[in-house]
Protein backbone atom coordinates (compact mmCIF):
# COMPACT_ATOMS: atom_id res chain seq x y z
CA MET A 1 79.38 -51.30 91.44
CA ILE A 2 78.57 -47.59 91.46
CA TRP A 3 77.01 -47.90 88.03
CA ILE A 4 74.37 -50.28 89.20
CA PRO A 5 72.39 -47.71 91.28
CA ILE A 6 72.76 -45.18 88.46
CA ILE A 7 71.41 -47.65 85.91
CA ILE A 8 68.56 -48.64 88.23
CA GLY A 9 67.70 -44.94 88.83
CA CYS A 10 67.79 -44.11 85.14
CA GLY A 11 65.66 -47.15 84.35
CA THR A 12 63.15 -46.21 87.04
CA ALA A 13 63.00 -42.63 85.72
CA GLY A 14 62.54 -43.91 82.18
CA ILE A 15 59.74 -46.18 83.27
CA ILE A 16 58.07 -43.30 85.14
CA CYS A 17 58.40 -41.00 82.10
CA PHE A 18 57.11 -43.68 79.75
CA THR A 19 54.19 -44.43 82.05
CA TRP A 20 53.35 -40.72 82.38
CA GLN A 21 53.58 -40.26 78.61
CA GLN A 22 51.30 -43.24 77.98
CA ARG A 23 48.84 -41.93 80.54
CA GLN A 24 48.82 -38.53 78.83
CA LYS A 25 48.22 -40.16 75.45
CA GLN A 26 45.43 -42.25 76.96
CA GLN A 27 43.78 -39.14 78.37
CA VAL A 28 44.10 -37.40 75.00
CA ARG A 29 42.57 -40.45 73.27
CA GLN A 30 39.69 -40.47 75.76
CA MET A 31 39.13 -36.79 75.13
CA LEU A 32 39.15 -37.34 71.36
CA TYR A 33 36.64 -40.18 71.71
CA SER A 34 34.42 -37.99 73.90
CA TYR A 35 34.25 -35.22 71.25
CA GLY A 36 34.21 -37.43 68.17
CA GLU A 37 32.68 -40.81 67.50
CA HIS A 38 35.43 -42.07 65.13
CA PRO A 39 38.72 -40.18 65.48
CA SER A 40 41.24 -40.81 62.68
CA ASP A 41 44.31 -43.04 63.07
CA GLU A 42 46.51 -39.98 62.78
CA LEU A 43 44.89 -38.48 65.85
CA LEU A 44 45.26 -41.74 67.79
CA PHE A 45 48.95 -42.33 66.98
CA ALA A 46 50.12 -38.71 67.18
CA PRO A 47 47.58 -37.15 69.54
CA LEU A 48 49.40 -34.10 70.87
CA SER A 49 50.48 -32.54 67.60
CA SER A 50 47.22 -33.46 65.90
CA LEU A 51 45.27 -32.09 68.82
CA ARG A 52 47.00 -28.75 68.39
CA ARG A 53 46.01 -28.69 64.73
CA GLU A 54 42.44 -29.64 65.60
CA LEU A 55 42.23 -26.95 68.26
CA LYS A 56 43.49 -24.39 65.77
CA SER A 57 40.93 -25.57 63.21
CA LEU A 58 38.14 -25.46 65.79
CA TYR A 59 39.15 -21.95 66.82
CA GLU A 60 39.00 -20.80 63.19
CA GLU A 61 35.57 -22.43 62.77
CA LYS A 62 34.41 -20.73 65.96
CA GLN A 63 35.53 -17.37 64.58
CA GLU A 64 33.63 -18.01 61.35
CA LEU A 65 30.50 -19.09 63.21
CA GLN A 66 30.69 -16.04 65.47
CA ALA A 67 31.03 -13.76 62.44
CA GLU A 68 28.00 -15.44 60.81
CA LEU A 69 26.04 -15.17 64.07
CA ASP A 70 26.88 -11.47 64.33
CA GLN A 71 25.71 -11.04 60.75
CA TRP A 72 22.36 -12.71 61.51
CA TYR A 73 21.95 -10.48 64.56
CA ARG A 74 22.46 -7.44 62.32
CA VAL A 75 19.87 -8.81 59.88
CA ILE A 76 17.35 -9.31 62.69
CA GLU A 77 18.06 -5.89 64.17
CA ASN A 78 17.40 -4.17 60.82
CA ALA A 79 14.58 -6.44 59.62
CA PRO A 80 11.35 -4.72 58.47
CA PHE A 81 9.32 -7.13 60.64
CA GLY A 82 9.20 -7.63 64.39
CA TYR A 83 11.08 -10.53 65.96
CA LEU A 84 10.75 -11.89 69.49
CA ARG A 85 12.36 -14.86 71.19
CA VAL A 86 10.74 -16.21 74.34
CA ASP A 87 12.21 -18.97 76.48
CA MET A 88 10.34 -21.85 78.11
CA ASP A 89 9.61 -19.68 81.18
CA ASN A 90 7.99 -17.02 78.94
CA GLN A 91 10.87 -14.63 79.51
CA LEU A 92 11.66 -12.20 76.72
CA ILE A 93 15.29 -12.78 75.79
CA LEU A 94 15.43 -11.08 72.37
CA CYS A 95 13.39 -8.30 70.78
CA ASN A 96 14.44 -6.34 67.70
CA PRO A 97 13.67 -2.61 67.20
CA LYS A 98 10.68 -3.25 64.90
CA ALA A 99 9.04 -5.47 67.53
CA ARG A 100 9.71 -2.84 70.21
CA GLN A 101 8.00 -0.29 67.97
CA LEU A 102 4.96 -2.48 67.24
CA LEU A 103 4.53 -3.49 70.90
CA CYS A 104 5.46 -0.03 72.26
CA LEU A 105 8.41 -1.39 74.27
CA ASN A 106 10.29 1.89 74.09
CA ARG A 107 11.73 1.60 77.60
CA TRP A 108 12.86 -2.01 77.32
CA GLN A 109 16.60 -2.36 76.74
CA PRO A 110 18.38 -5.22 74.97
CA GLY A 111 19.96 -7.61 77.44
CA GLN A 112 17.11 -7.36 79.95
CA ILE A 113 15.42 -10.67 80.70
CA ARG A 114 11.91 -10.17 81.99
CA LEU A 115 8.60 -11.96 81.76
CA LEU A 116 6.78 -11.15 78.54
CA LEU A 117 3.53 -10.67 80.49
CA GLU A 118 5.14 -7.84 82.49
CA LEU A 119 5.98 -5.99 79.29
CA VAL A 120 3.17 -6.85 76.84
CA ARG A 121 -0.43 -7.31 77.94
CA SER A 122 -1.77 -9.33 75.02
CA TYR A 123 -3.87 -12.42 75.63
CA GLU A 124 -3.72 -13.35 71.93
CA LEU A 125 0.08 -13.24 71.85
CA ASP A 126 0.35 -15.33 75.02
CA GLN A 127 -2.06 -17.95 73.63
CA LEU A 128 -0.23 -18.04 70.30
CA ILE A 129 3.09 -18.74 72.05
CA GLU A 130 1.56 -21.34 74.36
CA THR A 131 -0.16 -23.13 71.47
CA THR A 132 3.10 -23.22 69.51
CA ARG A 133 5.01 -24.63 72.47
CA SER A 134 2.43 -27.34 73.23
CA ALA A 135 1.74 -28.36 69.61
CA ARG A 136 5.40 -28.10 68.52
CA THR A 137 4.26 -26.74 65.16
CA ALA A 138 4.33 -23.32 63.52
CA GLN A 139 1.24 -21.16 64.16
CA SER A 140 -0.23 -17.96 62.74
CA GLN A 141 -2.90 -15.55 63.99
CA GLU A 142 -4.19 -12.00 63.49
CA TRP A 143 -5.54 -9.79 66.28
CA GLU A 144 -6.06 -6.19 67.33
CA PHE A 145 -3.38 -5.13 69.79
CA PHE A 146 -4.05 -2.44 72.40
CA PRO A 147 -0.76 -1.02 73.82
CA SER A 148 -0.44 -0.96 77.59
CA HIS A 149 -0.37 2.29 79.58
CA ASP A 150 2.29 0.87 81.91
CA ALA A 151 5.38 3.04 82.35
CA GLN A 152 7.62 0.26 81.02
CA THR A 153 5.74 0.04 77.72
CA ARG A 154 4.34 3.55 77.24
CA ALA A 155 4.97 4.96 73.77
CA GLU A 156 5.97 8.55 73.15
CA GLY A 157 2.69 9.47 71.46
CA PRO A 158 -0.96 8.48 71.97
CA ASN A 159 -1.45 4.73 71.99
CA GLN A 160 -3.73 3.56 69.20
CA PRO A 161 -4.79 -0.06 68.64
CA ILE A 162 -3.19 -1.73 65.63
CA HIS A 163 -3.85 -4.96 63.79
CA LEU A 164 -0.97 -7.43 64.08
CA ARG A 165 -0.23 -10.74 62.44
CA GLY A 166 1.94 -13.11 64.43
CA SER A 167 3.74 -16.17 63.04
CA THR A 168 5.59 -18.49 65.41
CA ILE A 169 8.18 -21.25 65.12
CA PRO A 170 9.02 -23.70 67.95
CA LEU A 171 12.72 -23.79 68.86
CA SER A 172 14.85 -26.05 71.05
CA ARG A 173 14.53 -26.17 74.86
CA GLY A 174 10.97 -24.84 74.72
CA ASP A 175 11.92 -21.49 73.18
CA VAL A 176 9.53 -19.87 70.68
CA ALA A 177 10.38 -17.43 67.88
CA VAL A 178 7.67 -14.88 67.04
CA PHE A 179 7.53 -12.83 63.84
CA LEU A 180 5.22 -9.79 63.90
CA GLU A 181 3.77 -7.96 60.90
CA ASN A 182 1.88 -4.68 60.99
CA GLN A 183 -1.47 -5.24 59.27
CA GLU A 184 -2.84 -1.78 60.07
CA PRO A 185 -2.14 -0.27 56.61
CA ILE A 186 -4.07 -3.15 55.01
CA HIS A 187 -7.03 -2.62 57.37
CA ILE A 188 -6.96 1.15 56.75
CA LEU A 189 -7.02 0.52 53.00
CA LYS A 190 -9.83 -2.00 53.40
CA ARG A 191 -11.91 0.44 55.48
CA SER A 192 -11.35 3.25 52.97
CA GLN A 193 -12.42 0.98 50.11
CA GLU A 194 -15.53 -0.12 52.00
CA LYS A 195 -16.40 3.49 52.78
CA LEU A 196 -15.92 4.45 49.14
CA LEU A 197 -18.17 1.61 47.98
CA SER A 198 -20.77 2.42 50.65
CA ASP A 199 -20.84 6.06 49.56
CA LEU A 200 -21.13 4.94 45.96
CA THR A 201 -24.04 2.62 46.71
CA HIS A 202 -25.81 5.46 48.54
CA GLU A 203 -25.46 7.63 45.45
CA LEU A 204 -26.62 4.83 43.14
CA ARG A 205 -29.78 4.07 45.06
CA THR A 206 -31.61 7.27 44.05
CA PRO A 207 -31.09 7.04 40.25
CA LEU A 208 -31.79 3.30 40.32
CA THR A 209 -35.10 3.93 42.08
CA ALA A 210 -36.04 6.47 39.42
CA MET A 211 -35.01 4.11 36.61
CA ARG A 212 -37.00 1.32 38.24
CA LEU A 213 -40.17 3.39 38.40
CA LEU A 214 -39.68 4.52 34.80
CA ALA A 215 -39.19 0.95 33.57
CA GLU A 216 -42.29 -0.23 35.44
CA THR A 217 -44.32 2.57 33.83
CA LEU A 218 -43.03 1.72 30.35
CA GLU A 219 -43.75 -1.97 30.90
CA GLN A 220 -47.42 -1.15 31.49
CA ARG A 221 -47.72 0.88 28.27
CA LEU A 222 -45.74 -1.19 25.78
CA THR A 223 -46.68 -4.29 23.81
CA GLY A 224 -44.94 -6.86 21.67
CA LEU A 225 -41.19 -6.81 21.35
CA GLU A 226 -40.90 -3.48 23.16
CA LEU A 227 -42.64 -5.03 26.20
CA LYS A 228 -40.06 -7.83 26.23
CA TRP A 229 -37.20 -5.32 26.09
CA ALA A 230 -38.74 -3.26 28.88
CA GLY A 231 -39.07 -6.42 31.00
CA GLN A 232 -35.39 -7.26 30.47
CA ILE A 233 -34.39 -3.71 31.40
CA LEU A 234 -36.52 -3.87 34.54
CA LYS A 235 -34.97 -7.22 35.45
CA GLU A 236 -31.42 -5.81 35.24
CA ILE A 237 -32.40 -2.65 37.14
CA ASN A 238 -33.91 -4.78 39.90
CA ARG A 239 -30.71 -6.86 40.06
CA LEU A 240 -28.61 -3.70 40.49
CA PHE A 241 -31.11 -2.29 42.99
CA TYR A 242 -30.97 -5.41 45.19
CA LEU A 243 -27.18 -5.47 44.92
CA VAL A 244 -27.07 -1.90 46.26
CA GLN A 245 -29.54 -2.77 49.01
CA ASP A 246 -27.51 -5.83 50.03
CA TRP A 247 -24.28 -3.84 50.13
CA LEU A 248 -25.83 -1.12 52.29
CA GLU A 249 -27.30 -3.79 54.57
CA LEU A 250 -23.89 -5.44 54.95
CA SER A 251 -22.21 -2.11 55.71
CA ARG A 252 -24.75 -1.28 58.41
CA LEU A 253 -24.36 -4.70 60.01
CA GLU A 254 -20.58 -4.27 60.11
CA SER A 255 -20.53 -0.71 61.40
CA HIS A 256 -23.48 -0.62 63.84
CA PRO A 257 -24.75 -4.17 64.56
CA HIS A 258 -26.58 -3.25 67.78
CA GLN A 259 -28.44 -0.41 66.05
CA VAL A 260 -29.54 -2.69 63.21
CA LEU A 261 -30.58 -5.72 65.26
CA SER A 262 -33.97 -5.79 66.96
CA TYR A 263 -34.21 -8.50 69.63
CA GLN A 264 -37.28 -10.53 70.53
CA THR A 265 -38.00 -13.98 71.97
CA PHE A 266 -39.28 -16.60 69.52
CA ASP A 267 -39.22 -20.32 68.69
CA LEU A 268 -36.20 -21.10 66.51
CA VAL A 269 -37.73 -24.31 65.13
CA GLN A 270 -40.89 -22.49 64.05
CA LEU A 271 -38.76 -19.78 62.41
CA ILE A 272 -36.92 -22.46 60.40
CA ASN A 273 -40.24 -23.99 59.33
CA ASP A 274 -41.61 -20.60 58.24
CA ALA A 275 -38.48 -19.84 56.21
CA TRP A 276 -38.76 -23.17 54.40
CA GLU A 277 -42.47 -22.63 53.70
CA THR A 278 -41.60 -19.32 52.02
CA LEU A 279 -39.38 -21.17 49.54
CA THR A 280 -41.70 -24.15 49.06
CA PRO A 281 -42.65 -23.16 45.47
CA LEU A 282 -38.97 -23.15 44.48
CA ALA A 283 -38.38 -26.47 46.25
CA GLN A 284 -41.37 -28.06 44.49
CA GLN A 285 -40.00 -27.10 41.09
CA LYS A 286 -36.94 -29.32 41.72
CA GLN A 287 -38.78 -31.80 43.97
CA VAL A 288 -36.39 -30.94 46.80
CA THR A 289 -37.49 -31.88 50.31
CA ARG A 290 -36.20 -31.00 53.76
CA GLN A 291 -35.21 -33.47 56.46
CA TYR A 292 -35.12 -31.95 59.94
CA GLN A 293 -33.45 -33.38 63.03
CA GLY A 294 -33.61 -31.66 66.40
CA PRO A 295 -35.98 -30.56 69.16
CA ASP A 296 -39.63 -29.72 68.44
CA THR A 297 -39.30 -26.30 70.05
CA LEU A 298 -36.37 -24.14 71.16
CA LYS A 299 -36.87 -20.66 72.57
CA MET A 300 -34.19 -18.05 71.94
CA THR A 301 -33.74 -14.27 72.07
CA ALA A 302 -32.39 -12.72 68.87
CA ASP A 303 -33.41 -10.71 65.82
CA GLY A 304 -35.97 -13.00 64.23
CA ASP A 305 -36.17 -11.08 60.95
CA ARG A 306 -32.40 -11.22 60.45
CA LEU A 307 -32.24 -14.93 61.26
CA THR A 308 -35.10 -15.52 58.84
CA GLN A 309 -32.90 -13.82 56.25
CA VAL A 310 -30.09 -16.22 57.17
CA PHE A 311 -32.23 -19.33 56.64
CA LEU A 312 -33.83 -17.97 53.47
CA ASN A 313 -30.39 -17.43 52.00
CA LEU A 314 -29.04 -20.85 53.03
CA PHE A 315 -32.18 -22.68 51.89
CA ASP A 316 -32.24 -20.79 48.59
CA ASN A 317 -28.61 -21.77 47.90
CA GLY A 318 -29.35 -25.36 48.93
CA ILE A 319 -32.35 -25.62 46.59
CA LYS A 320 -30.43 -23.99 43.76
CA TYR A 321 -27.52 -26.44 43.86
CA ASN A 322 -29.28 -29.57 45.12
CA PRO A 323 -29.95 -32.42 42.64
CA VAL A 324 -33.54 -32.94 41.55
CA GLY A 325 -35.50 -35.11 43.97
CA GLU A 326 -32.89 -35.09 46.75
CA ALA A 327 -33.27 -33.77 50.29
CA ILE A 328 -31.66 -30.90 52.19
CA PHE A 329 -30.70 -31.77 55.77
CA VAL A 330 -31.25 -29.34 58.65
CA THR A 331 -29.98 -30.23 62.13
CA VAL A 332 -30.46 -28.21 65.32
CA SER A 333 -28.37 -29.22 68.35
CA PRO A 334 -29.46 -27.68 71.68
CA PRO A 335 -26.80 -26.21 74.00
CA GLU A 336 -24.71 -28.57 76.10
CA VAL A 337 -24.71 -28.41 79.88
CA ASP A 338 -21.89 -25.85 80.15
CA SER A 339 -22.82 -23.84 77.06
CA ASP A 340 -25.50 -21.37 75.96
CA PHE A 341 -24.93 -21.80 72.20
CA VAL A 342 -27.20 -23.66 69.81
CA THR A 343 -25.63 -25.28 66.74
CA VAL A 344 -27.39 -25.37 63.36
CA GLU A 345 -26.27 -27.36 60.31
CA VAL A 346 -27.58 -27.01 56.74
CA ILE A 347 -26.35 -29.66 54.26
CA ASP A 348 -27.21 -30.00 50.59
CA GLN A 349 -26.26 -32.83 48.22
CA GLY A 350 -24.81 -30.75 45.40
CA VAL A 351 -21.22 -30.79 44.18
CA GLY A 352 -20.06 -28.71 47.16
CA PHE A 353 -17.51 -25.92 47.23
CA ASP A 354 -14.29 -25.99 45.29
CA PRO A 355 -11.57 -26.62 47.93
CA GLU A 356 -9.61 -23.64 46.60
CA ASP A 357 -12.63 -21.37 47.10
CA LEU A 358 -13.51 -22.47 50.64
CA PRO A 359 -11.41 -19.77 52.38
CA PHE A 360 -13.23 -17.06 50.40
CA VAL A 361 -16.90 -18.11 50.37
CA PHE A 362 -17.85 -15.49 52.98
CA GLU A 363 -16.09 -12.62 51.22
CA ARG A 364 -18.09 -9.92 49.49
CA LEU A 365 -18.99 -10.52 45.83
CA TYR A 366 -17.74 -14.11 45.97
CA ARG A 367 -19.65 -16.27 43.51
CA GLY A 368 -18.95 -19.97 43.18
CA ASP A 369 -21.51 -20.82 40.50
CA GLN A 370 -19.01 -22.56 38.24
CA ALA A 371 -17.68 -24.66 41.11
CA ARG A 372 -21.15 -25.68 42.32
CA THR A 373 -23.15 -26.19 39.11
CA ARG A 374 -24.03 -29.57 37.70
CA PRO A 375 -24.05 -29.99 33.93
CA GLY A 376 -27.50 -29.16 32.64
CA ASP A 377 -28.59 -27.12 35.66
CA ASN A 378 -30.26 -23.86 34.76
CA THR A 379 -28.95 -21.46 37.38
CA ASP A 380 -28.69 -18.38 35.20
CA LEU A 381 -32.29 -17.47 35.93
CA ARG A 382 -31.62 -17.11 39.63
CA GLN A 383 -28.06 -15.81 39.97
CA GLY A 384 -27.40 -13.92 43.17
CA SER A 385 -25.44 -10.80 43.94
CA GLY A 386 -22.48 -12.56 45.53
CA LEU A 387 -23.25 -10.96 48.91
CA GLY A 388 -25.59 -13.60 50.34
CA LEU A 389 -23.09 -15.59 52.40
CA ALA A 390 -21.27 -12.41 53.43
CA ILE A 391 -24.54 -11.08 54.87
CA VAL A 392 -25.25 -14.42 56.54
CA GLN A 393 -21.85 -14.36 58.23
CA GLN A 394 -22.26 -10.75 59.35
CA ILE A 395 -25.72 -11.38 60.84
CA ILE A 396 -24.43 -14.38 62.80
CA THR A 397 -21.32 -12.49 63.92
CA ALA A 398 -23.46 -9.54 65.04
CA HIS A 399 -25.39 -11.95 67.27
CA GLY A 400 -22.15 -13.19 68.83
CA GLY A 401 -22.01 -16.45 66.88
CA SER A 402 -19.75 -17.96 64.23
CA ILE A 403 -20.15 -19.86 60.96
CA THR A 404 -17.99 -22.29 58.99
CA ALA A 405 -18.29 -23.72 55.47
CA ARG A 406 -17.11 -27.21 54.49
CA ASN A 407 -17.98 -30.05 52.14
CA HIS A 408 -19.81 -32.91 53.81
CA PRO A 409 -17.81 -36.16 53.72
CA LYS A 410 -20.92 -38.32 53.13
CA TYR A 411 -23.26 -36.23 50.99
CA ARG A 412 -20.45 -34.32 49.20
CA GLY A 413 -22.50 -31.13 49.20
CA ALA A 414 -22.08 -27.80 50.98
CA TRP A 415 -22.04 -28.16 54.78
CA LEU A 416 -22.69 -24.88 56.59
CA THR A 417 -22.51 -24.94 60.40
CA PHE A 418 -23.16 -21.97 62.65
CA THR A 419 -23.59 -21.33 66.36
CA LEU A 420 -25.79 -18.74 68.05
CA PRO A 421 -26.31 -17.77 71.70
CA LEU A 422 -29.81 -18.50 72.98
CA GLN A 423 -29.79 -15.41 75.20
CA LEU A 424 -28.56 -11.84 74.92
CA PRO A 425 -25.08 -11.12 76.28
CA ASN A 426 -25.12 -9.21 79.57
CA GLU A 427 -23.94 -5.96 78.00
CA ASP A 428 -26.89 -6.04 75.55
CA LEU A 429 -29.69 -6.61 78.00
CA ASP A 430 -30.69 -2.96 77.95
CA ILE A 431 -30.78 -2.66 74.17
C-alpha cells in the first residue's frame, strides 16, 4: 500500500515536468515564429539546442555587421567630402570632419545632438533638407555660404564666404543625409579665366580699331578684286570687334550691374514695338510676322536701352531660325495681385533647341546653329558671336529677374520666358 502514494507522487511530478517542458517548447516556438515567418522543422522539433545554434549564428552576424558599420564610419570620417545626417526634428546627429571644416563647426563635438539651425545659419541648406524630406527624392543645389560669427561655429581664421554644392538623400524615419562639396576652387578658377579674357579683350580693342579704320580706308581706294578682298577683311574685323565689345559688355554687367544700368520709366509695350520695327527689314526678307498678346500699355522702371538690347537679340534669333512665312509669338503677362513681376514670352516656330544643349544655351560662346538650322536655310551670312543669350540673361539678372529656355510643346520652336520687376527694388531707389 505504501507504493501507491509514491507512484501517485512520481506520476504527478512527471506530469508537472512534462507540462512545464511542453510549455517551454511552446514559448520557444512562439518566439521563433515572432522572429521568423517560416521556421524550419528542425527548430520546431528540437527548439532549445537549435535556438542555441541560432543565437550563436546571430551573434557572429552581429559582430560582422558591427565591423562593417565601423568600417563605414571610418570611411565617412576620412571622406574628402562633407557628410551630415539630420533627423526628422532637424537635429544634427552626425557630422564628419570635412563637413565641420566647410561649415566652420570647429567647436562642435561628435556625439552632441543639437538643432542644425543653432549651429549653421544657412537658409539654403535648411530649404534643401526640407525639400528633400517633403518630396522624398534626392535633391541638389549650389549656394554661397557665409559662416556664422557665433561662438559655437567660429573658425580659427577670418570667415570668408565659400561656394558649396549640397546633394541630399532621404533616409528612413524622416532622416536626411547631406553631402557637401567645396565649389570655391572652381569659382576661383572661373573668375581668374574671366579676368584673363576681359584683360585680353581690352588689349585687343585698340589694335582692332586701328585695323578697322585701315580696312575702311583701303576699301575706299581699291577697285575690282582688291575691293572684294578688302570688304571681306573688313567684315571679319568687324566680327572680331563686336565680339570684343560684347565680351566687355558682359563683363561689366556681371561685375558692376548697378553702375552699368541707367533706370527710367517707360512703356514696355511701346519698347517691344520699337524693337520689332528696327528689325522689320530682316523680318520682311523671310516674310516673318509678329503676333502680340497682352496689355496695350504697361509702365515699368528699368534700363530701357538694355531691355531694347534684350528684345533685339531675341527677335533677331527668332527671325533667323523661324520658317519662311510663319509668325513669332510675343506674350506679356501683367503682374498678379501679390506680385510685382511681369512675365514675357517669345516663341518662334523653328526646330527649337537640342535637348542636350538646353542647359548650356546661356553660357558664353554657346552656339547652337547646327541644332537650330533647317536644311536650306542660309544662316552663315548672319552668324552671331555666341554671346547674345549670355548678355540677355545677364541684363535680366541685373534687373532682378530670371529667364528660362525651353522648346514649346505646340510650335516646337524656341520658347524663352523671362520675368522682370516693374519697379526698382528698395535698395536701388537712390541710384
